[in-house]
Amino acid sequence: MRASTGRGTLGAVNDLDTLITDWLTLPDVAERLDVEVTRVRRLIEEGQLIAVRRGDPVVRMIPALMLTDDAIAPYLGGTITVLRDGGFEDEEMLVWLFTADESLPGRPIDQLRQGRRGEVRRRALALAL
């Protein structure tokens, strides 16, 4: 069963332009994490990071807030897994992670960056049902 976020793919892409202003290319991510670009691609394949195609020319990019200074934001990979298992597409996950939720308070990505996964995961699980 596919979860619905109430947004189509086009709506999600348009929302990304508004919600996320700071993007990194895969080589930029590799530099920040001090790994090879092939490792970044593997992290995307393993569901530890989300990359979408953007820009001109079109390249795969990752929201900068998915990283701390030198690591992937805490608990991000597990949250991505929960959302993906619930049927979310990559763009839909990004919209959810970067949309403010007054009851958290704030955005799920900010909560994860601060090491607070409990409420974020509960909400992700509820959406995935």
N, C-alpha and C. Protein backbone atom coordinates (compact mmCIF):
# COMPACT_ATOMS: atom_id res chain seq x y z
N MET A 1 0.84 -1.17 0.00
CA MET A 1 0.00 0.00 0.00
C MET A 1 0.89 1.24 0.00
N ARG A 2 0.57 2.16 -0.84
CA ARG A 2 1.35 3.39 -0.97
C ARG A 2 0.82 4.46 -0.04
N ALA A 3 1.71 5.05 0.73
CA ALA A 3 1.32 6.16 1.60
C ALA A 3 1.11 7.40 0.76
N SER A 4 0.24 8.26 1.19
CA SER A 4 0.01 9.50 0.47
C SER A 4 0.39 10.68 1.34
N THR A 5 1.11 11.60 0.76
CA THR A 5 1.46 12.82 1.48
C THR A 5 0.55 13.95 1.06
N GLY A 6 -0.38 13.64 0.15
CA GLY A 6 -1.27 14.67 -0.33
C GLY A 6 -0.61 15.55 -1.39
N ARG A 7 0.52 15.13 -1.90
CA ARG A 7 1.23 15.92 -2.89
C ARG A 7 1.59 15.03 -4.07
N GLY A 8 1.47 15.57 -5.26
CA GLY A 8 1.95 14.86 -6.43
C GLY A 8 3.44 15.14 -6.57
N THR A 9 4.07 14.45 -7.49
CA THR A 9 5.51 14.64 -7.69
C THR A 9 5.81 16.07 -8.11
N LEU A 10 5.02 16.64 -9.02
CA LEU A 10 5.28 18.01 -9.45
C LEU A 10 5.17 18.97 -8.27
N GLY A 11 4.14 18.80 -7.43
CA GLY A 11 4.01 19.64 -6.24
C GLY A 11 5.20 19.50 -5.33
N ALA A 12 5.71 18.28 -5.18
CA ALA A 12 6.87 18.05 -4.31
C ALA A 12 8.09 18.77 -4.86
N VAL A 13 8.30 18.70 -6.16
CA VAL A 13 9.47 19.36 -6.76
C VAL A 13 9.37 20.87 -6.58
N ASN A 14 8.18 21.45 -6.80
CA ASN A 14 8.00 22.88 -6.59
C ASN A 14 8.23 23.25 -5.14
N ASP A 15 7.77 22.43 -4.21
CA ASP A 15 7.98 22.69 -2.79
C ASP A 15 9.46 22.67 -2.44
N LEU A 16 10.22 21.79 -3.06
CA LEU A 16 11.65 21.70 -2.76
C LEU A 16 12.36 23.02 -3.03
N ASP A 17 11.95 23.70 -4.09
CA ASP A 17 12.57 24.98 -4.41
C ASP A 17 12.34 26.00 -3.30
N THR A 18 11.21 25.91 -2.64
CA THR A 18 10.88 26.83 -1.56
C THR A 18 11.48 26.39 -0.23
N LEU A 19 11.46 25.09 0.04
CA LEU A 19 11.86 24.56 1.34
C LEU A 19 13.36 24.43 1.54
N ILE A 20 14.08 24.15 0.48
CA ILE A 20 15.52 23.86 0.60
C ILE A 20 16.28 24.84 -0.28
N THR A 21 17.12 25.64 0.35
CA THR A 21 17.85 26.65 -0.42
C THR A 21 19.33 26.30 -0.58
N ASP A 22 19.85 25.39 0.23
CA ASP A 22 21.27 25.09 0.20
C ASP A 22 21.48 23.62 -0.21
N TRP A 23 22.04 23.44 -1.40
CA TRP A 23 22.25 22.11 -1.96
C TRP A 23 23.74 21.86 -2.17
N LEU A 24 24.12 20.59 -2.10
CA LEU A 24 25.51 20.19 -2.35
C LEU A 24 25.55 19.16 -3.47
N THR A 25 26.55 19.27 -4.34
CA THR A 25 26.77 18.24 -5.35
C THR A 25 27.42 17.04 -4.67
N LEU A 26 27.44 15.91 -5.35
CA LEU A 26 28.06 14.72 -4.77
C LEU A 26 29.54 14.94 -4.46
N PRO A 27 30.31 15.61 -5.34
CA PRO A 27 31.70 15.89 -4.97
C PRO A 27 31.82 16.78 -3.72
N ASP A 28 30.90 17.73 -3.56
CA ASP A 28 30.91 18.58 -2.36
C ASP A 28 30.66 17.74 -1.10
N VAL A 29 29.70 16.82 -1.20
CA VAL A 29 29.39 15.94 -0.07
C VAL A 29 30.60 15.06 0.25
N ALA A 30 31.23 14.53 -0.79
CA ALA A 30 32.41 13.68 -0.59
C ALA A 30 33.50 14.46 0.15
N GLU A 31 33.69 15.70 -0.23
CA GLU A 31 34.71 16.53 0.44
C GLU A 31 34.35 16.76 1.90
N ARG A 32 33.10 17.07 2.17
CA ARG A 32 32.67 17.32 3.56
C ARG A 32 32.82 16.08 4.43
N LEU A 33 32.52 14.91 3.85
CA LEU A 33 32.60 13.67 4.61
C LEU A 33 33.99 13.04 4.57
N ASP A 34 34.87 13.61 3.75
CA ASP A 34 36.23 13.10 3.56
C ASP A 34 36.22 11.66 3.06
N VAL A 35 35.41 11.44 2.01
CA VAL A 35 35.32 10.13 1.37
C VAL A 35 35.35 10.35 -0.15
N GLU A 36 35.44 9.25 -0.89
CA GLU A 36 35.39 9.31 -2.35
C GLU A 36 33.93 9.48 -2.80
N VAL A 37 33.74 10.03 -3.99
CA VAL A 37 32.39 10.21 -4.54
C VAL A 37 31.68 8.87 -4.67
N THR A 38 32.41 7.81 -4.96
CA THR A 38 31.78 6.48 -5.06
C THR A 38 31.14 6.09 -3.72
N ARG A 39 31.75 6.48 -2.62
CA ARG A 39 31.18 6.19 -1.29
C ARG A 39 29.88 6.98 -1.09
N VAL A 40 29.84 8.21 -1.57
CA VAL A 40 28.62 9.02 -1.46
C VAL A 40 27.50 8.36 -2.26
N ARG A 41 27.83 7.88 -3.46
CA ARG A 41 26.82 7.18 -4.27
C ARG A 41 26.29 5.95 -3.54
N ARG A 42 27.19 5.24 -2.88
CA ARG A 42 26.80 4.05 -2.11
C ARG A 42 25.89 4.45 -0.94
N LEU A 43 26.20 5.55 -0.27
CA LEU A 43 25.36 6.03 0.84
C LEU A 43 23.95 6.36 0.35
N ILE A 44 23.85 6.89 -0.85
CA ILE A 44 22.54 7.17 -1.44
C ILE A 44 21.82 5.85 -1.72
N GLU A 45 22.51 4.91 -2.35
CA GLU A 45 21.92 3.61 -2.65
C GLU A 45 21.47 2.88 -1.39
N GLU A 46 22.24 3.03 -0.31
CA GLU A 46 21.92 2.36 0.96
C GLU A 46 20.83 3.08 1.75
N GLY A 47 20.38 4.24 1.26
CA GLY A 47 19.32 4.97 1.95
C GLY A 47 19.79 5.80 3.13
N GLN A 48 21.06 6.14 3.16
CA GLN A 48 21.57 7.00 4.23
C GLN A 48 21.42 8.47 3.88
N LEU A 49 21.34 8.77 2.59
CA LEU A 49 21.16 10.13 2.08
C LEU A 49 20.15 10.10 0.94
N ILE A 50 19.58 11.26 0.64
CA ILE A 50 18.65 11.39 -0.49
C ILE A 50 19.25 12.39 -1.47
N ALA A 51 19.33 12.01 -2.72
CA ALA A 51 19.79 12.91 -3.77
C ALA A 51 18.71 13.04 -4.82
N VAL A 52 18.53 14.24 -5.34
CA VAL A 52 17.59 14.48 -6.43
C VAL A 52 18.33 15.22 -7.54
N ARG A 53 17.82 15.11 -8.73
CA ARG A 53 18.44 15.77 -9.89
C ARG A 53 17.93 17.21 -9.95
N ARG A 54 18.89 18.16 -10.02
CA ARG A 54 18.56 19.59 -10.02
C ARG A 54 19.59 20.37 -10.81
N GLY A 55 19.28 21.62 -11.06
CA GLY A 55 20.25 22.55 -11.62
C GLY A 55 20.35 22.53 -13.12
N ASP A 56 21.28 23.35 -13.61
CA ASP A 56 21.54 23.45 -15.03
C ASP A 56 23.04 23.57 -15.21
N PRO A 57 23.74 22.55 -15.62
CA PRO A 57 23.22 21.25 -16.06
C PRO A 57 22.68 20.45 -14.88
N VAL A 58 21.79 19.53 -15.20
CA VAL A 58 21.15 18.72 -14.17
C VAL A 58 22.16 17.73 -13.59
N VAL A 59 22.32 17.79 -12.27
CA VAL A 59 23.21 16.88 -11.54
C VAL A 59 22.50 16.43 -10.27
N ARG A 60 22.96 15.35 -9.71
CA ARG A 60 22.40 14.87 -8.44
C ARG A 60 22.90 15.76 -7.31
N MET A 61 21.96 16.19 -6.46
CA MET A 61 22.31 17.07 -5.36
C MET A 61 21.64 16.59 -4.08
N ILE A 62 22.26 16.94 -2.97
CA ILE A 62 21.80 16.55 -1.63
C ILE A 62 21.62 17.82 -0.82
N PRO A 63 20.51 17.94 -0.07
CA PRO A 63 20.35 19.11 0.79
C PRO A 63 21.50 19.20 1.80
N ALA A 64 22.09 20.38 1.92
CA ALA A 64 23.23 20.57 2.82
C ALA A 64 22.90 20.22 4.27
N LEU A 65 21.67 20.44 4.69
CA LEU A 65 21.30 20.18 6.08
C LEU A 65 21.24 18.69 6.42
N MET A 66 21.40 17.83 5.43
CA MET A 66 21.47 16.40 5.72
C MET A 66 22.83 16.04 6.32
N LEU A 67 23.76 17.00 6.28
CA LEU A 67 25.09 16.78 6.83
C LEU A 67 25.32 17.73 8.00
N THR A 68 26.10 17.27 8.96
CA THR A 68 26.65 18.16 9.96
C THR A 68 27.99 18.62 9.39
N ASP A 69 28.87 19.13 10.20
CA ASP A 69 30.15 19.60 9.68
C ASP A 69 30.92 18.52 8.93
N ASP A 70 30.91 17.29 9.47
CA ASP A 70 31.71 16.23 8.86
C ASP A 70 31.06 14.85 8.91
N ALA A 71 29.73 14.83 9.03
CA ALA A 71 29.03 13.54 9.12
C ALA A 71 27.60 13.70 8.59
N ILE A 72 26.94 12.57 8.42
CA ILE A 72 25.52 12.57 8.07
C ILE A 72 24.74 12.90 9.33
N ALA A 73 23.68 13.67 9.20
CA ALA A 73 22.85 14.04 10.35
C ALA A 73 22.44 12.77 11.11
N PRO A 74 22.48 12.83 12.44
CA PRO A 74 22.13 11.65 13.24
C PRO A 74 20.71 11.16 12.93
N TYR A 75 20.56 9.86 12.88
CA TYR A 75 19.26 9.19 12.73
C TYR A 75 18.58 9.43 11.39
N LEU A 76 19.25 10.10 10.46
CA LEU A 76 18.64 10.37 9.16
C LEU A 76 18.38 9.08 8.39
N GLY A 77 19.36 8.19 8.35
CA GLY A 77 19.21 6.95 7.58
C GLY A 77 18.02 6.12 8.02
N GLY A 78 17.84 5.97 9.32
CA GLY A 78 16.70 5.20 9.83
C GLY A 78 15.38 5.85 9.50
N THR A 79 15.34 7.16 9.55
CA THR A 79 14.11 7.88 9.23
C THR A 79 13.80 7.73 7.75
N ILE A 80 14.81 7.81 6.90
CA ILE A 80 14.61 7.58 5.46
C ILE A 80 14.06 6.18 5.22
N THR A 81 14.59 5.20 5.92
CA THR A 81 14.11 3.82 5.77
C THR A 81 12.63 3.71 6.13
N VAL A 82 12.23 4.31 7.25
CA VAL A 82 10.83 4.26 7.68
C VAL A 82 9.93 4.89 6.61
N LEU A 83 10.31 6.05 6.11
CA LEU A 83 9.50 6.74 5.10
C LEU A 83 9.47 5.96 3.78
N ARG A 84 10.62 5.45 3.37
CA ARG A 84 10.68 4.68 2.12
C ARG A 84 9.83 3.41 2.23
N ASP A 85 9.91 2.74 3.38
CA ASP A 85 9.08 1.55 3.60
C ASP A 85 7.59 1.89 3.56
N GLY A 86 7.27 3.14 3.90
CA GLY A 86 5.89 3.59 3.86
C GLY A 86 5.43 4.03 2.48
N GLY A 87 6.32 3.94 1.48
CA GLY A 87 5.93 4.25 0.12
C GLY A 87 6.26 5.65 -0.35
N PHE A 88 7.00 6.41 0.43
CA PHE A 88 7.36 7.76 0.03
C PHE A 88 8.42 7.75 -1.07
N GLU A 89 8.26 8.63 -2.04
CA GLU A 89 9.28 8.87 -3.06
C GLU A 89 10.30 9.83 -2.47
N ASP A 90 11.48 9.92 -3.10
CA ASP A 90 12.54 10.78 -2.57
C ASP A 90 12.09 12.23 -2.38
N GLU A 91 11.43 12.80 -3.39
CA GLU A 91 10.99 14.19 -3.29
C GLU A 91 10.00 14.37 -2.15
N GLU A 92 9.09 13.40 -1.98
CA GLU A 92 8.11 13.48 -0.90
C GLU A 92 8.79 13.42 0.46
N MET A 93 9.83 12.59 0.59
CA MET A 93 10.56 12.52 1.85
C MET A 93 11.21 13.85 2.15
N LEU A 94 11.81 14.47 1.15
CA LEU A 94 12.47 15.75 1.36
C LEU A 94 11.46 16.82 1.77
N VAL A 95 10.31 16.85 1.11
CA VAL A 95 9.28 17.82 1.50
C VAL A 95 8.89 17.60 2.95
N TRP A 96 8.67 16.36 3.36
CA TRP A 96 8.28 16.08 4.74
C TRP A 96 9.39 16.48 5.71
N LEU A 97 10.62 16.11 5.43
CA LEU A 97 11.73 16.41 6.32
C LEU A 97 11.96 17.91 6.48
N PHE A 98 11.67 18.69 5.46
CA PHE A 98 11.98 20.12 5.47
C PHE A 98 10.77 21.02 5.68
N THR A 99 9.62 20.44 6.00
CA THR A 99 8.42 21.23 6.27
C THR A 99 8.22 21.37 7.78
N ALA A 100 8.01 22.60 8.23
CA ALA A 100 7.82 22.85 9.66
C ALA A 100 6.57 22.15 10.18
N ASP A 101 6.69 21.61 11.38
CA ASP A 101 5.59 20.96 12.07
C ASP A 101 5.51 21.59 13.46
N GLU A 102 4.48 22.38 13.69
CA GLU A 102 4.36 23.11 14.95
C GLU A 102 4.37 22.20 16.16
N SER A 103 3.90 20.98 16.01
CA SER A 103 3.83 20.08 17.16
C SER A 103 5.18 19.47 17.52
N LEU A 104 6.20 19.63 16.66
CA LEU A 104 7.52 19.06 17.01
C LEU A 104 8.28 19.87 18.06
N PRO A 105 8.48 21.08 18.07
CA PRO A 105 8.27 22.12 17.06
C PRO A 105 9.43 22.18 16.07
N GLY A 106 9.15 22.72 14.91
CA GLY A 106 10.18 22.88 13.89
C GLY A 106 10.08 21.84 12.80
N ARG A 107 11.14 21.73 12.04
CA ARG A 107 11.17 20.78 10.93
C ARG A 107 11.79 19.47 11.40
N PRO A 108 11.33 18.35 10.85
CA PRO A 108 11.93 17.06 11.22
C PRO A 108 13.44 17.03 11.01
N ILE A 109 13.96 17.63 9.94
CA ILE A 109 15.41 17.61 9.70
C ILE A 109 16.15 18.31 10.83
N ASP A 110 15.60 19.40 11.35
CA ASP A 110 16.26 20.12 12.44
C ASP A 110 16.28 19.28 13.71
N GLN A 111 15.18 18.57 13.97
CA GLN A 111 15.12 17.70 15.14
C GLN A 111 16.16 16.58 15.03
N LEU A 112 16.28 15.99 13.85
CA LEU A 112 17.28 14.93 13.65
C LEU A 112 18.69 15.47 13.83
N ARG A 113 18.95 16.64 13.29
CA ARG A 113 20.29 17.24 13.42
C ARG A 113 20.66 17.49 14.88
N GLN A 114 19.65 17.69 15.72
CA GLN A 114 19.88 17.91 17.15
C GLN A 114 19.88 16.60 17.93
N GLY A 115 19.78 15.47 17.21
CA GLY A 115 19.83 14.17 17.86
C GLY A 115 18.51 13.73 18.49
N ARG A 116 17.43 14.39 18.12
CA ARG A 116 16.10 14.05 18.67
C ARG A 116 15.32 13.25 17.64
N ARG A 117 15.36 11.95 17.79
CA ARG A 117 14.71 11.12 16.77
C ARG A 117 13.34 10.62 17.18
N GLY A 118 13.04 10.55 18.47
CA GLY A 118 11.82 9.91 18.95
C GLY A 118 10.54 10.39 18.29
N GLU A 119 10.23 11.67 18.43
CA GLU A 119 8.99 12.20 17.86
C GLU A 119 9.01 12.16 16.35
N VAL A 120 10.16 12.41 15.75
CA VAL A 120 10.27 12.38 14.29
C VAL A 120 9.92 10.98 13.79
N ARG A 121 10.49 9.96 14.42
CA ARG A 121 10.22 8.57 13.98
C ARG A 121 8.75 8.20 14.23
N ARG A 122 8.19 8.63 15.35
CA ARG A 122 6.77 8.32 15.62
C ARG A 122 5.89 8.90 14.51
N ARG A 123 6.17 10.12 14.13
CA ARG A 123 5.38 10.75 13.06
C ARG A 123 5.62 10.05 11.71
N ALA A 124 6.84 9.70 11.43
CA ALA A 124 7.15 8.99 10.19
C ALA A 124 6.44 7.64 10.15
N LEU A 125 6.45 6.93 11.26
CA LEU A 125 5.76 5.64 11.33
C LEU A 125 4.25 5.82 11.14
N ALA A 126 3.68 6.84 11.73
CA ALA A 126 2.24 7.09 11.58
C ALA A 126 1.89 7.38 10.11
N LEU A 127 2.74 8.12 9.43
CA LEU A 127 2.49 8.41 8.01
C LEU A 127 2.64 7.16 7.15
N ALA A 128 3.52 6.28 7.57
CA ALA A 128 3.81 5.08 6.77
C ALA A 128 2.71 4.03 6.89
N LEU A 129 1.86 4.15 7.87
CA LEU A 129 0.79 3.14 8.06
C LEU A 129 -0.32 3.28 7.05
